[in-house]
Amino acid sequence: MGVSPDSLESHKKFRAKHGLEFHLLSDPERKVASLYGVLKEKTVSGKKRLAIERSTFVIDEKGIIQAVFRKVKVDGHAEQVLDSL
């Protein structure tokens, strides 16, 4: 599943546009992002702000994190994750 601070409506559109079959969860208050340590200070247009560092966490059936990928780039990432399994 995916988690972002975007709205449920934007997730619905994104899933449809990209044909995604997994769940996208909305975290507008960034509570999950904070718990996973993915809120990072970034400079955008010359202004510092907290933003999400795109990351992937592989979590097993017991809820234990088995792999972490930080600063994720789309190209080749699915293969990286599958290789970790």
C-alpha atoms as a PDB file:
ATOM      1  CA  MET A   1       0.000   0.000   0.000  1.00  0.00           C
ATOM      2  CA  GLY A   2       1.037   3.564  -0.436  1.00  0.00           C
ATOM      3  CA  VAL A   3       0.742   6.442   2.020  1.00  0.00           C
ATOM      4  CA  SER A   4       0.896  10.163   1.280  1.00  0.00           C
ATOM      5  CA  PRO A   5      -0.544  13.397   2.639  1.00  0.00           C
ATOM      6  CA  ASP A   6      -2.684  13.771  -0.504  1.00  0.00           C
ATOM      7  CA  SER A   7      -6.475  13.637  -0.259  1.00  0.00           C
ATOM      8  CA  LEU A   8      -8.559  10.502  -0.754  1.00  0.00           C
ATOM      9  CA  GLU A   9     -10.011  12.047  -3.916  1.00  0.00           C
ATOM     10  CA  SER A  10      -6.568  12.656  -5.400  1.00  0.00           C
ATOM     11  CA  HIS A  11      -5.600   9.066  -4.542  1.00  0.00           C
ATOM     12  CA  LYS A  12      -8.703   7.787  -6.312  1.00  0.00           C
ATOM     13  CA  LYS A  13      -7.763   9.713  -9.464  1.00  0.00           C
ATOM     14  CA  PHE A  14      -4.104   8.648  -9.253  1.00  0.00           C
ATOM     15  CA  ARG A  15      -5.042   4.960  -8.902  1.00  0.00           C
ATOM     16  CA  ALA A  16      -7.374   5.178 -11.882  1.00  0.00           C
ATOM     17  CA  LYS A  17      -4.873   7.075 -14.042  1.00  0.00           C
ATOM     18  CA  HIS A  18      -2.054   4.609 -13.398  1.00  0.00           C
ATOM     19  CA  GLY A  19      -4.150   1.431 -13.108  1.00  0.00           C
ATOM     20  CA  LEU A  20      -2.905   0.696  -9.592  1.00  0.00           C
ATOM     21  CA  GLU A  21      -4.460  -2.246  -7.794  1.00  0.00           C
ATOM     22  CA  PHE A  22      -3.082  -1.564  -4.319  1.00  0.00           C
ATOM     23  CA  HIS A  23      -4.470   0.702  -1.610  1.00  0.00           C
ATOM     24  CA  LEU A  24      -3.371   4.306  -1.181  1.00  0.00           C
ATOM     25  CA  LEU A  25      -3.851   5.743   2.299  1.00  0.00           C
ATOM     26  CA  SER A  26      -4.290   9.430   3.024  1.00  0.00           C
ATOM     27  CA  ASP A  27      -2.151  10.920   5.820  1.00  0.00           C
ATOM     28  CA  PRO A  28      -3.050  14.638   5.680  1.00  0.00           C
ATOM     29  CA  GLU A  29      -1.784  15.299   9.202  1.00  0.00           C
ATOM     30  CA  ARG A  30       1.465  13.467   8.358  1.00  0.00           C
ATOM     31  CA  LYS A  31       1.265  11.251  11.438  1.00  0.00           C
ATOM     32  CA  VAL A  32       2.371   8.095   9.607  1.00  0.00           C
ATOM     33  CA  ALA A  33       5.092  10.036   7.776  1.00  0.00           C
ATOM     34  CA  SER A  34       6.394  11.266  11.114  1.00  0.00           C
ATOM     35  CA  LEU A  35       6.360   7.767  12.653  1.00  0.00           C
ATOM     36  CA  TYR A  36       8.370   6.377   9.728  1.00  0.00           C
ATOM     37  CA  GLY A  37      10.847   9.268   9.754  1.00  0.00           C
ATOM     38  CA  VAL A  38      10.178  10.374   6.180  1.00  0.00           C
ATOM     39  CA  LEU A  39       9.484  14.043   6.895  1.00  0.00           C
ATOM     40  CA  LYS A  40      12.601  15.902   5.819  1.00  0.00           C
ATOM     41  CA  GLU A  41      13.425  19.581   5.523  1.00  0.00           C
ATOM     42  CA  LYS A  42      13.767  20.496   1.863  1.00  0.00           C
ATOM     43  CA  THR A  43      14.358  23.740   0.041  1.00  0.00           C
ATOM     44  CA  VAL A  44      11.746  24.357  -2.641  1.00  0.00           C
ATOM     45  CA  SER A  45      11.750  27.610  -4.621  1.00  0.00           C
ATOM     46  CA  GLY A  46      14.224  29.053  -2.135  1.00  0.00           C
ATOM     47  CA  LYS A  47      12.022  28.288   0.892  1.00  0.00           C
ATOM     48  CA  LYS A  48      12.648  25.621   3.503  1.00  0.00           C
ATOM     49  CA  ARG A  49       9.727  23.363   4.341  1.00  0.00           C
ATOM     50  CA  LEU A  50       8.980  19.886   5.619  1.00  0.00           C
ATOM     51  CA  ALA A  51       8.308  17.482   2.774  1.00  0.00           C
ATOM     52  CA  ILE A  52       7.995  13.749   2.305  1.00  0.00           C
ATOM     53  CA  GLU A  53      11.148  11.843   1.344  1.00  0.00           C
ATOM     54  CA  ARG A  54       9.833   9.155  -0.998  1.00  0.00           C
ATOM     55  CA  SER A  55      10.614   5.865   0.736  1.00  0.00           C
ATOM     56  CA  THR A  56       9.613   2.223   0.626  1.00  0.00           C
ATOM     57  CA  PHE A  57       9.350  -0.091   3.612  1.00  0.00           C
ATOM     58  CA  VAL A  58       9.024  -3.845   3.137  1.00  0.00           C
ATOM     59  CA  ILE A  59       7.028  -5.121   6.108  1.00  0.00           C
ATOM     60  CA  ASP A  60       6.496  -8.821   6.774  1.00  0.00           C
ATOM     61  CA  GLU A  61       3.314 -10.539   7.919  1.00  0.00           C
ATOM     62  CA  LYS A  62       4.357 -10.036  11.571  1.00  0.00           C
ATOM     63  CA  GLY A  63       4.683  -6.273  11.073  1.00  0.00           C
ATOM     64  CA  ILE A  64       8.486  -6.296  11.143  1.00  0.00           C
ATOM     65  CA  ILE A  65      10.335  -4.011   8.729  1.00  0.00           C
ATOM     66  CA  GLN A  66      12.558  -6.223   6.585  1.00  0.00           C
ATOM     67  CA  ALA A  67      13.951  -3.645   4.131  1.00  0.00           C
ATOM     68  CA  VAL A  68      14.034   0.141   3.776  1.00  0.00           C
ATOM     69  CA  PHE A  69      14.630   2.127   0.597  1.00  0.00           C
ATOM     70  CA  ARG A  70      15.171   5.890   1.003  1.00  0.00           C
ATOM     71  CA  LYS A  71      15.197   8.645  -1.628  1.00  0.00           C
ATOM     72  CA  VAL A  72      13.338   6.372  -4.027  1.00  0.00           C
ATOM     73  CA  LYS A  73      13.474   7.031  -7.764  1.00  0.00           C
ATOM     74  CA  VAL A  74      10.731   5.454  -9.871  1.00  0.00           C
ATOM     75  CA  ASP A  75      12.947   3.934 -12.562  1.00  0.00           C
ATOM     76  CA  GLY A  76      14.090   0.473 -11.499  1.00  0.00           C
ATOM     77  CA  HIS A  77      12.606   0.686  -8.012  1.00  0.00           C
ATOM     78  CA  ALA A  78      10.039  -2.091  -8.434  1.00  0.00           C
ATOM     79  CA  GLU A  79      12.861  -4.446  -9.411  1.00  0.00           C
ATOM     80  CA  GLN A  80      14.878  -3.411  -6.347  1.00  0.00           C
ATOM     81  CA  VAL A  81      11.951  -4.172  -4.065  1.00  0.00           C
ATOM     82  CA  LEU A  82      11.207  -7.507  -5.734  1.00  0.00           C
ATOM     83  CA  ASP A  83      14.870  -8.487  -5.448  1.00  0.00           C
ATOM     84  CA  SER A  84      14.731  -7.787  -1.693  1.00  0.00           C
ATOM     85  CA  LEU A  85      11.879 -10.269  -1.318  1.00  0.00           C
END
